[in-house]
């Protein structure tokens, strides 16, 4: 009986480990973009140029877990002076907090293509739970038989919760974040 139980447990562990699939972001075809209102009359748009996104899924891209690391100093709004100010202690304080991190802990499929993804973001040393609304744009196989997945994710982050530009009243509190992502199966 013990031998059968041990064999069964070994079978479960092996199948669980091998049913996991790793995916990495294709950085040439992925982006992290944000926008925030300025004086309530216009939107300032920017992006982060350096980031890493790793994903583990069950077969068929089920129940993905995302780990995101963003190099905060790679912020780019196409205005060098503004970018330097955003890197300062008034905003991201990149010397003290060089990375923004997100780790998902809940994936909920809403329909065939749409999902919600909840997890913990650590931004400027402050940890909060956020939820992205996401869409799977498609999954295809390349010429080598490896899968590629296209996704888009959107959320709104309240910048004042993270003490980003707290004393900057002409800037809106809602920061719209969009992640366009192409993942490659490993």
C-alpha atoms as a PDB file:
ATOM      1  CA  UNK A   1       0.000   0.000   0.000  1.00  0.00           C
ATOM      2  CA  UNK A   2       2.816   2.395   0.933  1.00  0.00           C
ATOM      3  CA  UNK A   3       4.607   1.592  -2.307  1.00  0.00           C
ATOM      4  CA  UNK A   4       1.472   2.350  -4.350  1.00  0.00           C
ATOM      5  CA  UNK A   5       0.907   5.616  -2.502  1.00  0.00           C
ATOM      6  CA  UNK A   6       4.531   6.637  -3.015  1.00  0.00           C
ATOM      7  CA  UNK A   7       4.307   5.785  -6.724  1.00  0.00           C
ATOM      8  CA  UNK A   8       1.084   7.781  -7.074  1.00  0.00           C
ATOM      9  CA  UNK A   9       2.558  10.825  -5.290  1.00  0.00           C
ATOM     10  CA  UNK A  10       5.666  10.648  -7.480  1.00  0.00           C
ATOM     11  CA  UNK A  11       3.434  10.490 -10.566  1.00  0.00           C
ATOM     12  CA  UNK A  12       1.494  13.587  -9.426  1.00  0.00           C
ATOM     13  CA  UNK A  13       4.632  15.571  -8.639  1.00  0.00           C
ATOM     14  CA  UNK A  14       6.309  14.701 -11.948  1.00  0.00           C
ATOM     15  CA  UNK A  15       3.175  15.532 -13.946  1.00  0.00           C
ATOM     16  CA  UNK A  16       2.681  18.814 -12.110  1.00  0.00           C
ATOM     17  CA  UNK A  17       6.285  19.882 -12.688  1.00  0.00           C
ATOM     18  CA  UNK A  18       6.278  18.940 -16.354  1.00  0.00           C
ATOM     19  CA  UNK A  19       2.841  20.399 -17.082  1.00  0.00           C
ATOM     20  CA  UNK A  20       4.203  23.871 -16.326  1.00  0.00           C
ATOM     21  CA  UNK A  21       5.294  25.953 -19.289  1.00  0.00           C
ATOM     22  CA  UNK A  22       7.629  28.947 -19.069  1.00  0.00           C
ATOM     23  CA  UNK A  23       7.221  32.002 -21.287  1.00  0.00           C
ATOM     24  CA  UNK A  24       9.372  35.110 -21.681  1.00  0.00           C
ATOM     25  CA  UNK A  25       8.500  38.478 -23.164  1.00  0.00           C
ATOM     26  CA  UNK A  26       9.670  39.257 -26.669  1.00  0.00           C
ATOM     27  CA  UNK A  27      10.898  42.750 -25.823  1.00  0.00           C
ATOM     28  CA  UNK A  28      10.982  43.816 -29.478  1.00  0.00           C
ATOM     29  CA  UNK A  29       7.217  43.258 -29.658  1.00  0.00           C
ATOM     30  CA  UNK A  30       6.137  44.268 -26.138  1.00  0.00           C
ATOM     31  CA  UNK A  31       5.619  47.592 -24.380  1.00  0.00           C
ATOM     32  CA  UNK A  32       4.620  49.135 -21.066  1.00  0.00           C
ATOM     33  CA  UNK A  33       2.878  52.455 -21.726  1.00  0.00           C
ATOM     34  CA  UNK A  34       1.259  54.921 -19.331  1.00  0.00           C
ATOM     35  CA  UNK A  35      -0.724  58.137 -19.558  1.00  0.00           C
ATOM     36  CA  UNK A  36      -1.769  60.724 -16.997  1.00  0.00           C
ATOM     37  CA  UNK A  37      -3.740  63.929 -17.289  1.00  0.00           C
ATOM     38  CA  UNK A  38      -1.985  67.294 -17.119  1.00  0.00           C
ATOM     39  CA  UNK A  39      -4.030  70.313 -16.028  1.00  0.00           C
ATOM     40  CA  UNK A  40      -7.104  68.165 -16.795  1.00  0.00           C
ATOM     41  CA  UNK A  41      -6.874  69.272 -20.435  1.00  0.00           C
ATOM     42  CA  UNK A  42      -4.286  66.954 -21.963  1.00  0.00           C
ATOM     43  CA  UNK A  43      -2.628  63.571 -21.510  1.00  0.00           C
ATOM     44  CA  UNK A  44       1.080  63.001 -21.043  1.00  0.00           C
ATOM     45  CA  UNK A  45       2.094  59.638 -22.477  1.00  0.00           C
ATOM     46  CA  UNK A  46       5.233  57.710 -21.674  1.00  0.00           C
ATOM     47  CA  UNK A  47       6.689  54.256 -21.488  1.00  0.00           C
ATOM     48  CA  UNK A  48       9.343  52.181 -19.771  1.00  0.00           C
ATOM     49  CA  UNK A  49      12.067  51.011 -22.157  1.00  0.00           C
ATOM     50  CA  UNK A  50      13.625  48.305 -19.943  1.00  0.00           C
ATOM     51  CA  UNK A  51      11.593  45.558 -18.339  1.00  0.00           C
ATOM     52  CA  UNK A  52      11.398  41.805 -17.975  1.00  0.00           C
ATOM     53  CA  UNK A  53       8.227  39.728 -17.909  1.00  0.00           C
ATOM     54  CA  UNK A  54       8.344  36.016 -17.149  1.00  0.00           C
ATOM     55  CA  UNK A  55       5.259  33.822 -17.099  1.00  0.00           C
ATOM     56  CA  UNK A  56       4.553  30.270 -16.018  1.00  0.00           C
ATOM     57  CA  UNK A  57       1.387  28.551 -17.177  1.00  0.00           C
ATOM     58  CA  UNK A  58      -0.254  25.199 -17.224  1.00  0.00           C
ATOM     59  CA  UNK A  59      -0.653  23.635 -20.643  1.00  0.00           C
ATOM     60  CA  UNK A  60      -2.770  25.622 -23.112  1.00  0.00           C
ATOM     61  CA  UNK A  61      -1.928  28.899 -21.346  1.00  0.00           C
ATOM     62  CA  UNK A  62      -4.158  28.160 -18.367  1.00  0.00           C
ATOM     63  CA  UNK A  63      -3.705  29.861 -14.976  1.00  0.00           C
ATOM     64  CA  UNK A  64      -0.689  32.004 -15.853  1.00  0.00           C
ATOM     65  CA  UNK A  65       1.476  33.550 -13.149  1.00  0.00           C
ATOM     66  CA  UNK A  66       3.292  36.728 -14.179  1.00  0.00           C
ATOM     67  CA  UNK A  67       6.463  38.215 -12.700  1.00  0.00           C
ATOM     68  CA  UNK A  68       7.258  41.705 -13.957  1.00  0.00           C
ATOM     69  CA  UNK A  69      10.337  43.792 -13.198  1.00  0.00           C
ATOM     70  CA  UNK A  70      10.557  47.316 -14.620  1.00  0.00           C
ATOM     71  CA  UNK A  71      13.708  49.430 -14.586  1.00  0.00           C
ATOM     72  CA  UNK A  72      12.226  52.695 -13.264  1.00  0.00           C
ATOM     73  CA  UNK A  73      15.130  54.715 -14.683  1.00  0.00           C
ATOM     74  CA  UNK A  74      14.083  53.694 -18.198  1.00  0.00           C
ATOM     75  CA  UNK A  75      11.035  55.980 -18.048  1.00  0.00           C
ATOM     76  CA  UNK A  76      10.635  57.871 -21.320  1.00  0.00           C
ATOM     77  CA  UNK A  77       8.114  60.635 -22.094  1.00  0.00           C
ATOM     78  CA  UNK A  78      10.097  62.014 -25.044  1.00  0.00           C
ATOM     79  CA  UNK A  79      11.145  65.054 -22.973  1.00  0.00           C
ATOM     80  CA  UNK A  80      14.566  64.702 -21.334  1.00  0.00           C
ATOM     81  CA  UNK A  81      13.946  67.394 -18.702  1.00  0.00           C
ATOM     82  CA  UNK A  82      10.615  65.862 -17.656  1.00  0.00           C
ATOM     83  CA  UNK A  83      12.149  62.366 -17.641  1.00  0.00           C
ATOM     84  CA  UNK A  84      14.937  63.531 -15.307  1.00  0.00           C
ATOM     85  CA  UNK A  85      12.327  65.114 -13.008  1.00  0.00           C
ATOM     86  CA  UNK A  86      10.307  61.871 -13.022  1.00  0.00           C
ATOM     87  CA  UNK A  87      13.446  59.973 -11.979  1.00  0.00           C
ATOM     88  CA  UNK A  88      13.991  62.340  -9.003  1.00  0.00           C
ATOM     89  CA  UNK A  89      12.740  61.922  -5.436  1.00  0.00           C
ATOM     90  CA  UNK A  90       9.663  64.039  -6.347  1.00  0.00           C
ATOM     91  CA  UNK A  91       8.402  61.089  -8.385  1.00  0.00           C
ATOM     92  CA  UNK A  92      10.010  57.628  -8.796  1.00  0.00           C
ATOM     93  CA  UNK A  93      13.211  58.241  -6.782  1.00  0.00           C
ATOM     94  CA  UNK A  94      15.096  55.767  -8.984  1.00  0.00           C
ATOM     95  CA  UNK A  95      18.291  56.007  -6.956  1.00  0.00           C
ATOM     96  CA  UNK A  96      16.514  54.625  -3.899  1.00  0.00           C
ATOM     97  CA  UNK A  97      13.898  52.491  -5.729  1.00  0.00           C
ATOM     98  CA  UNK A  98      15.446  51.299  -9.015  1.00  0.00           C
ATOM     99  CA  UNK A  99      12.758  48.717  -9.841  1.00  0.00           C
ATOM    100  CA  UNK A 100       8.997  48.434 -10.009  1.00  0.00           C
ATOM    101  CA  UNK A 101       7.807  44.873  -9.399  1.00  0.00           C
ATOM    102  CA  UNK A 102       4.535  43.066  -9.985  1.00  0.00           C
ATOM    103  CA  UNK A 103       3.733  39.437  -9.158  1.00  0.00           C
ATOM    104  CA  UNK A 104       0.335  38.028  -9.975  1.00  0.00           C
ATOM    105  CA  UNK A 105      -1.508  35.815  -7.516  1.00  0.00           C
ATOM    106  CA  UNK A 106      -4.966  35.405  -9.097  1.00  0.00           C
ATOM    107  CA  UNK A 107      -6.064  34.776 -12.679  1.00  0.00           C
ATOM    108  CA  UNK A 108      -9.759  34.762 -13.503  1.00  0.00           C
ATOM    109  CA  UNK A 109     -11.004  33.901 -16.968  1.00  0.00           C
ATOM    110  CA  UNK A 110     -13.972  36.118 -17.863  1.00  0.00           C
ATOM    111  CA  UNK A 111     -14.752  34.593 -21.278  1.00  0.00           C
ATOM    112  CA  UNK A 112     -12.823  32.966 -24.160  1.00  0.00           C
ATOM    113  CA  UNK A 113     -10.463  35.923 -24.640  1.00  0.00           C
ATOM    114  CA  UNK A 114     -10.790  38.190 -21.586  1.00  0.00           C
ATOM    115  CA  UNK A 115      -9.468  37.780 -18.051  1.00  0.00           C
ATOM    116  CA  UNK A 116      -8.634  39.655 -14.883  1.00  0.00           C
ATOM    117  CA  UNK A 117      -5.198  39.408 -13.324  1.00  0.00           C
ATOM    118  CA  UNK A 118      -4.671  40.439  -9.710  1.00  0.00           C
ATOM    119  CA  UNK A 119      -1.378  40.722  -7.900  1.00  0.00           C
ATOM    120  CA  UNK A 120       0.968  42.757  -5.778  1.00  0.00           C
ATOM    121  CA  UNK A 121       2.791  45.770  -7.149  1.00  0.00           C
ATOM    122  CA  UNK A 122       5.750  47.256  -5.301  1.00  0.00           C
ATOM    123  CA  UNK A 123       6.274  50.819  -6.395  1.00  0.00           C
ATOM    124  CA  UNK A 124       8.558  53.222  -4.579  1.00  0.00           C
ATOM    125  CA  UNK A 125       8.761  50.758  -1.672  1.00  0.00           C
ATOM    126  CA  UNK A 126       4.967  50.651  -1.225  1.00  0.00           C
ATOM    127  CA  UNK A 127       3.140  47.365  -1.788  1.00  0.00           C
ATOM    128  CA  UNK A 128      -0.491  47.313  -2.974  1.00  0.00           C
ATOM    129  CA  UNK A 129      -2.822  44.932  -4.734  1.00  0.00           C
ATOM    130  CA  UNK A 130      -3.909  45.887  -8.241  1.00  0.00           C
ATOM    131  CA  UNK A 131      -6.025  44.205 -10.897  1.00  0.00           C
ATOM    132  CA  UNK A 132      -5.451  44.283 -14.637  1.00  0.00           C
ATOM    133  CA  UNK A 133      -8.176  43.641 -17.190  1.00  0.00           C
ATOM    134  CA  UNK A 134      -6.642  41.560 -19.930  1.00  0.00           C
ATOM    135  CA  UNK A 135      -7.270  40.103 -23.343  1.00  0.00           C
ATOM    136  CA  UNK A 136      -5.580  37.181 -25.034  1.00  0.00           C
ATOM    137  CA  UNK A 137      -5.147  38.388 -28.605  1.00  0.00           C
ATOM    138  CA  UNK A 138      -4.131  34.964 -29.831  1.00  0.00           C
ATOM    139  CA  UNK A 139      -1.774  32.020 -29.492  1.00  0.00           C
ATOM    140  CA  UNK A 140       0.110  30.681 -32.497  1.00  0.00           C
ATOM    141  CA  UNK A 141       2.881  28.171 -33.185  1.00  0.00           C
ATOM    142  CA  UNK A 142       6.086  29.292 -34.888  1.00  0.00           C
ATOM    143  CA  UNK A 143       8.034  27.293 -37.478  1.00  0.00           C
ATOM    144  CA  UNK A 144       9.885  25.435 -34.700  1.00  0.00           C
ATOM    145  CA  UNK A 145       6.661  24.356 -33.001  1.00  0.00           C
ATOM    146  CA  UNK A 146       7.035  26.777 -30.095  1.00  0.00           C
ATOM    147  CA  UNK A 147       4.015  28.799 -29.122  1.00  0.00           C
ATOM    148  CA  UNK A 148       3.747  32.585 -29.065  1.00  0.00           C
ATOM    149  CA  UNK A 149       1.016  34.408 -27.179  1.00  0.00           C
ATOM    150  CA  UNK A 150      -0.177  37.971 -27.628  1.00  0.00           C
ATOM    151  CA  UNK A 151      -1.866  39.745 -24.734  1.00  0.00           C
ATOM    152  CA  UNK A 152      -2.913  43.223 -23.704  1.00  0.00           C
ATOM    153  CA  UNK A 153      -3.453  44.246 -20.089  1.00  0.00           C
ATOM    154  CA  UNK A 154      -4.837  47.504 -18.673  1.00  0.00           C
ATOM    155  CA  UNK A 155      -5.174  48.993 -15.227  1.00  0.00           C
ATOM    156  CA  UNK A 156      -5.367  52.337 -13.445  1.00  0.00           C
ATOM    157  CA  UNK A 157      -2.894  53.137 -10.675  1.00  0.00           C
ATOM    158  CA  UNK A 158      -3.533  55.915  -8.164  1.00  0.00           C
ATOM    159  CA  UNK A 159      -0.166  57.698  -8.150  1.00  0.00           C
ATOM    160  CA  UNK A 160      -0.701  59.483  -4.818  1.00  0.00           C
ATOM    161  CA  UNK A 161      -1.071  56.143  -2.989  1.00  0.00           C
ATOM    162  CA  UNK A 162       2.536  55.472  -4.008  1.00  0.00           C
ATOM    163  CA  UNK A 163       3.704  59.009  -3.180  1.00  0.00           C
ATOM    164  CA  UNK A 164       4.592  59.707  -6.804  1.00  0.00           C
ATOM    165  CA  UNK A 165       4.447  63.438  -7.461  1.00  0.00           C
ATOM    166  CA  UNK A 166       2.405  63.997  -4.308  1.00  0.00           C
ATOM    167  CA  UNK A 167       2.878  67.764  -4.393  1.00  0.00           C
ATOM    168  CA  UNK A 168       2.136  68.096  -8.106  1.00  0.00           C
ATOM    169  CA  UNK A 169      -1.494  69.279  -8.258  1.00  0.00           C
ATOM    170  CA  UNK A 170      -1.749  69.840 -12.046  1.00  0.00           C
ATOM    171  CA  UNK A 171      -1.143  66.112 -12.571  1.00  0.00           C
ATOM    172  CA  UNK A 172      -4.087  63.721 -12.399  1.00  0.00           C
ATOM    173  CA  UNK A 173      -4.096  60.983  -9.781  1.00  0.00           C
ATOM    174  CA  UNK A 174      -5.169  58.255 -12.209  1.00  0.00           C
ATOM    175  CA  UNK A 175      -2.316  56.754 -14.210  1.00  0.00           C
ATOM    176  CA  UNK A 176      -3.564  54.540 -17.035  1.00  0.00           C
ATOM    177  CA  UNK A 177      -1.202  51.634 -17.672  1.00  0.00           C
ATOM    178  CA  UNK A 178      -1.283  49.409 -20.751  1.00  0.00           C
ATOM    179  CA  UNK A 179       0.969  46.413 -21.277  1.00  0.00           C
ATOM    180  CA  UNK A 180       1.129  45.031 -24.808  1.00  0.00           C
ATOM    181  CA  UNK A 181       2.848  41.721 -24.590  1.00  0.00           C
ATOM    182  CA  UNK A 182       4.150  39.037 -26.911  1.00  0.00           C
ATOM    183  CA  UNK A 183       5.355  35.976 -25.052  1.00  0.00           C
ATOM    184  CA  UNK A 184       7.550  33.171 -26.378  1.00  0.00           C
ATOM    185  CA  UNK A 185       7.242  29.681 -25.005  1.00  0.00           C
ATOM    186  CA  UNK A 186      10.536  28.409 -23.589  1.00  0.00           C
END
